[in-house]
Amino acid sequence: MGQDYIRLYRTGRGDKVIKLEKLVWADQWMTYYDLEVPHHRHWTKLKE
């Protein structure tokens, strides 16, 4: 997909965070695949 759409960042504590750079594209992708976009309270830490 490329860095224009999705990027991996590190927080000040060294945790990895995936950020969707184009939110309109992400919303359309989720709608196409009939998936729900999570809200802040639904976020989970990824296993290492």
PDB file of N, CA and C in Angstrom:
ATOM      1  N   MET A   1       0.814  -1.195   0.000  1.00  0.00           N
ATOM      2  CA  MET A   1       0.000   0.000   0.000  1.00  0.00           C
ATOM      3  C   MET A   1       0.853   1.254   0.000  1.00  0.00           C
ATOM      4  N   GLY A   2       1.997   1.199   0.602  1.00  0.00           N
ATOM      5  CA  GLY A   2       2.894   2.344   0.602  1.00  0.00           C
ATOM      6  C   GLY A   2       2.698   3.257   1.801  1.00  0.00           C
ATOM      7  N   GLN A   3       3.686   4.100   2.023  1.00  0.00           N
ATOM      8  CA  GLN A   3       3.680   4.988   3.174  1.00  0.00           C
ATOM      9  C   GLN A   3       2.649   6.106   3.067  1.00  0.00           C
ATOM     10  N   ASP A   4       2.098   6.317   1.888  1.00  0.00           N
ATOM     11  CA  ASP A   4       1.058   7.329   1.764  1.00  0.00           C
ATOM     12  C   ASP A   4      -0.219   6.910   2.476  1.00  0.00           C
ATOM     13  N   TYR A   5      -0.410   5.610   2.685  1.00  0.00           N
ATOM     14  CA  TYR A   5      -1.645   5.100   3.263  1.00  0.00           C
ATOM     15  C   TYR A   5      -1.495   4.638   4.705  1.00  0.00           C
ATOM     16  N   ILE A   6      -0.398   4.003   5.039  1.00  0.00           N
ATOM     17  CA  ILE A   6      -0.221   3.422   6.372  1.00  0.00           C
ATOM     18  C   ILE A   6       1.256   3.518   6.764  1.00  0.00           C
ATOM     19  N   ARG A   7       1.505   3.840   8.052  1.00  0.00           N
ATOM     20  CA  ARG A   7       2.887   3.967   8.534  1.00  0.00           C
ATOM     21  C   ARG A   7       3.024   3.354   9.911  1.00  0.00           C
ATOM     22  N   LEU A   8       4.233   2.939  10.213  1.00  0.00           N
ATOM     23  CA  LEU A   8       4.563   2.403  11.525  1.00  0.00           C
ATOM     24  C   LEU A   8       5.416   3.437  12.253  1.00  0.00           C
ATOM     25  N   TYR A   9       4.977   3.814  13.446  1.00  0.00           N
ATOM     26  CA  TYR A   9       5.695   4.787  14.264  1.00  0.00           C
ATOM     27  C   TYR A   9       6.090   4.140  15.581  1.00  0.00           C
ATOM     28  N   ARG A  10       7.002   4.781  16.299  1.00  0.00           N
ATOM     29  CA  ARG A  10       7.357   4.373  17.656  1.00  0.00           C
ATOM     30  C   ARG A  10       7.039   5.526  18.599  1.00  0.00           C
ATOM     31  N   THR A  11       6.485   5.181  19.745  1.00  0.00           N
ATOM     32  CA  THR A  11       6.186   6.193  20.750  1.00  0.00           C
ATOM     33  C   THR A  11       7.459   6.521  21.516  1.00  0.00           C
ATOM     34  N   GLY A  12       7.377   7.492  22.400  1.00  0.00           N
ATOM     35  CA  GLY A  12       8.520   7.862  23.221  1.00  0.00           C
ATOM     36  C   GLY A  12       9.001   6.712  24.096  1.00  0.00           C
ATOM     37  N   ARG A  13       8.107   5.770  24.420  1.00  0.00           N
ATOM     38  CA  ARG A  13       8.472   4.601  25.234  1.00  0.00           C
ATOM     39  C   ARG A  13       8.955   3.436  24.387  1.00  0.00           C
ATOM     40  N   GLY A  14       8.958   3.609  23.071  1.00  0.00           N
ATOM     41  CA  GLY A  14       9.430   2.548  22.185  1.00  0.00           C
ATOM     42  C   GLY A  14       8.347   1.614  21.678  1.00  0.00           C
ATOM     43  N   ASP A  15       7.077   1.863  22.058  1.00  0.00           N
ATOM     44  CA  ASP A  15       5.973   1.044  21.569  1.00  0.00           C
ATOM     45  C   ASP A  15       5.738   1.331  20.088  1.00  0.00           C
ATOM     46  N   LYS A  16       5.313   0.317  19.349  1.00  0.00           N
ATOM     47  CA  LYS A  16       5.012   0.492  17.929  1.00  0.00           C
ATOM     48  C   LYS A  16       3.546   0.872  17.768  1.00  0.00           C
ATOM     49  N   VAL A  17       3.291   1.828  16.878  1.00  0.00           N
ATOM     50  CA  VAL A  17       1.933   2.298  16.600  1.00  0.00           C
ATOM     51  C   VAL A  17       1.740   2.318  15.092  1.00  0.00           C
ATOM     52  N   ILE A  18       0.657   1.735  14.621  1.00  0.00           N
ATOM     53  CA  ILE A  18       0.321   1.768  13.208  1.00  0.00           C
ATOM     54  C   ILE A  18      -0.659   2.917  13.003  1.00  0.00           C
ATOM     55  N   LYS A  19      -0.350   3.809  12.066  1.00  0.00           N
ATOM     56  CA  LYS A  19      -1.211   4.963  11.803  1.00  0.00           C
ATOM     57  C   LYS A  19      -1.676   4.932  10.363  1.00  0.00           C
ATOM     58  N   LEU A  20      -2.983   5.061  10.197  1.00  0.00           N
ATOM     59  CA  LEU A  20      -3.558   5.183   8.866  1.00  0.00           C
ATOM     60  C   LEU A  20      -3.458   6.642   8.459  1.00  0.00           C
ATOM     61  N   GLU A  21      -2.735   6.931   7.396  1.00  0.00           N
ATOM     62  CA  GLU A  21      -2.487   8.304   6.976  1.00  0.00           C
ATOM     63  C   GLU A  21      -3.650   8.901   6.175  1.00  0.00           C
ATOM     64  N   LYS A  22      -4.381   8.076   5.450  1.00  0.00           N
ATOM     65  CA  LYS A  22      -5.511   8.552   4.644  1.00  0.00           C
ATOM     66  C   LYS A  22      -6.791   7.954   5.211  1.00  0.00           C
ATOM     67  N   LEU A  23      -7.431   8.703   6.100  1.00  0.00           N
ATOM     68  CA  LEU A  23      -8.588   8.183   6.819  1.00  0.00           C
ATOM     69  C   LEU A  23      -9.784   7.926   5.904  1.00  0.00           C
ATOM     70  N   VAL A  24      -9.977   8.747   4.889  1.00  0.00           N
ATOM     71  CA  VAL A  24     -11.090   8.525   3.956  1.00  0.00           C
ATOM     72  C   VAL A  24     -10.894   7.198   3.228  1.00  0.00           C
ATOM     73  N   TRP A  25      -9.666   6.945   2.768  1.00  0.00           N
ATOM     74  CA  TRP A  25      -9.360   5.670   2.105  1.00  0.00           C
ATOM     75  C   TRP A  25      -9.610   4.499   3.060  1.00  0.00           C
ATOM     76  N   ALA A  26      -9.154   4.637   4.308  1.00  0.00           N
ATOM     77  CA  ALA A  26      -9.318   3.563   5.286  1.00  0.00           C
ATOM     78  C   ALA A  26     -10.794   3.289   5.558  1.00  0.00           C
ATOM     79  N   ASP A  27     -11.592   4.335   5.670  1.00  0.00           N
ATOM     80  CA  ASP A  27     -13.018   4.174   5.909  1.00  0.00           C
ATOM     81  C   ASP A  27     -13.688   3.473   4.731  1.00  0.00           C
ATOM     82  N   GLN A  28     -13.337   3.847   3.518  1.00  0.00           N
ATOM     83  CA  GLN A  28     -13.899   3.203   2.332  1.00  0.00           C
ATOM     84  C   GLN A  28     -13.482   1.733   2.251  1.00  0.00           C
ATOM     85  N   TRP A  29     -12.236   1.438   2.615  1.00  0.00           N
ATOM     86  CA  TRP A  29     -11.738   0.059   2.615  1.00  0.00           C
ATOM     87  C   TRP A  29     -12.506  -0.790   3.620  1.00  0.00           C
ATOM     88  N   MET A  30     -12.701  -0.223   4.818  1.00  0.00           N
ATOM     89  CA  MET A  30     -13.430  -0.952   5.874  1.00  0.00           C
ATOM     90  C   MET A  30     -14.886  -1.184   5.456  1.00  0.00           C
ATOM     91  N   THR A  31     -15.503  -0.200   4.831  1.00  0.00           N
ATOM     92  CA  THR A  31     -16.884  -0.348   4.373  1.00  0.00           C
ATOM     93  C   THR A  31     -16.975  -1.416   3.287  1.00  0.00           C
ATOM     94  N   TYR A  32     -16.030  -1.419   2.361  1.00  0.00           N
ATOM     95  CA  TYR A  32     -16.028  -2.408   1.273  1.00  0.00           C
ATOM     96  C   TYR A  32     -15.954  -3.830   1.827  1.00  0.00           C
ATOM     97  N   TYR A  33     -15.129  -4.029   2.859  1.00  0.00           N
ATOM     98  CA  TYR A  33     -14.963  -5.366   3.441  1.00  0.00           C
ATOM     99  C   TYR A  33     -15.914  -5.617   4.603  1.00  0.00           C
ATOM    100  N   ASP A  34     -16.898  -4.722   4.802  1.00  0.00           N
ATOM    101  CA  ASP A  34     -17.927  -4.873   5.829  1.00  0.00           C
ATOM    102  C   ASP A  34     -17.319  -5.060   7.221  1.00  0.00           C
ATOM    103  N   LEU A  35     -16.354  -4.190   7.551  1.00  0.00           N
ATOM    104  CA  LEU A  35     -15.706  -4.223   8.852  1.00  0.00           C
ATOM    105  C   LEU A  35     -16.038  -2.946   9.616  1.00  0.00           C
ATOM    106  N   GLU A  36     -15.981  -3.028  10.919  1.00  0.00           N
ATOM    107  CA  GLU A  36     -16.267  -1.866  11.749  1.00  0.00           C
ATOM    108  C   GLU A  36     -14.970  -1.154  12.113  1.00  0.00           C
ATOM    109  N   VAL A  37     -14.972   0.158  12.029  1.00  0.00           N
ATOM    110  CA  VAL A  37     -13.810   0.947  12.420  1.00  0.00           C
ATOM    111  C   VAL A  37     -13.812   1.062  13.942  1.00  0.00           C
ATOM    112  N   PRO A  38     -12.725   0.649  14.618  1.00  0.00           N
ATOM    113  CA  PRO A  38     -12.712   0.711  16.089  1.00  0.00           C
ATOM    114  C   PRO A  38     -12.586   2.137  16.607  1.00  0.00           C
ATOM    115  N   HIS A  39     -13.173   2.358  17.761  1.00  0.00           N
ATOM    116  CA  HIS A  39     -13.042   3.633  18.449  1.00  0.00           C
ATOM    117  C   HIS A  39     -11.895   3.510  19.447  1.00  0.00           C
ATOM    118  N   HIS A  40     -11.509   4.602  20.081  1.00  0.00           N
ATOM    119  CA  HIS A  40     -10.371   4.582  20.997  1.00  0.00           C
ATOM    120  C   HIS A  40     -10.477   3.482  22.053  1.00  0.00           C
ATOM    121  N   ARG A  41     -11.647   3.274  22.593  1.00  0.00           N
ATOM    122  CA  ARG A  41     -11.788   2.277  23.665  1.00  0.00           C
ATOM    123  C   ARG A  41     -11.650   0.845  23.152  1.00  0.00           C
ATOM    124  N   HIS A  42     -11.686   0.653  21.849  1.00  0.00           N
ATOM    125  CA  HIS A  42     -11.554  -0.682  21.274  1.00  0.00           C
ATOM    126  C   HIS A  42     -10.115  -1.029  20.876  1.00  0.00           C
ATOM    127  N   TRP A  43      -9.225  -0.072  21.009  1.00  0.00           N
ATOM    128  CA  TRP A  43      -7.829  -0.316  20.630  1.00  0.00           C
ATOM    129  C   TRP A  43      -7.228  -1.393  21.537  1.00  0.00           C
ATOM    130  N   THR A  44      -6.370  -2.203  20.976  1.00  0.00           N
ATOM    131  CA  THR A  44      -5.669  -3.229  21.759  1.00  0.00           C
ATOM    132  C   THR A  44      -4.182  -3.177  21.434  1.00  0.00           C
ATOM    133  N   LYS A  45      -3.389  -3.602  22.396  1.00  0.00           N
ATOM    134  CA  LYS A  45      -1.950  -3.682  22.154  1.00  0.00           C
ATOM    135  C   LYS A  45      -1.666  -4.912  21.317  1.00  0.00           C
ATOM    136  N   LEU A  46      -0.741  -4.798  20.396  1.00  0.00           N
ATOM    137  CA  LEU A  46      -0.341  -5.934  19.582  1.00  0.00           C
ATOM    138  C   LEU A  46       0.639  -6.796  20.347  1.00  0.00           C
ATOM    139  N   LYS A  47       0.562  -8.091  20.149  1.00  0.00           N
ATOM    140  CA  LYS A  47       1.503  -9.000  20.797  1.00  0.00           C
ATOM    141  C   LYS A  47       2.856  -8.887  20.107  1.00  0.00           C
ATOM    142  N   GLU A  48       3.905  -9.000  20.875  1.00  0.00           N
ATOM    143  CA  GLU A  48       5.264  -8.914  20.307  1.00  0.00           C
ATOM    144  C   GLU A  48       5.716 -10.251  19.799  1.00  0.00           C
TER     145      GLU A  48
END
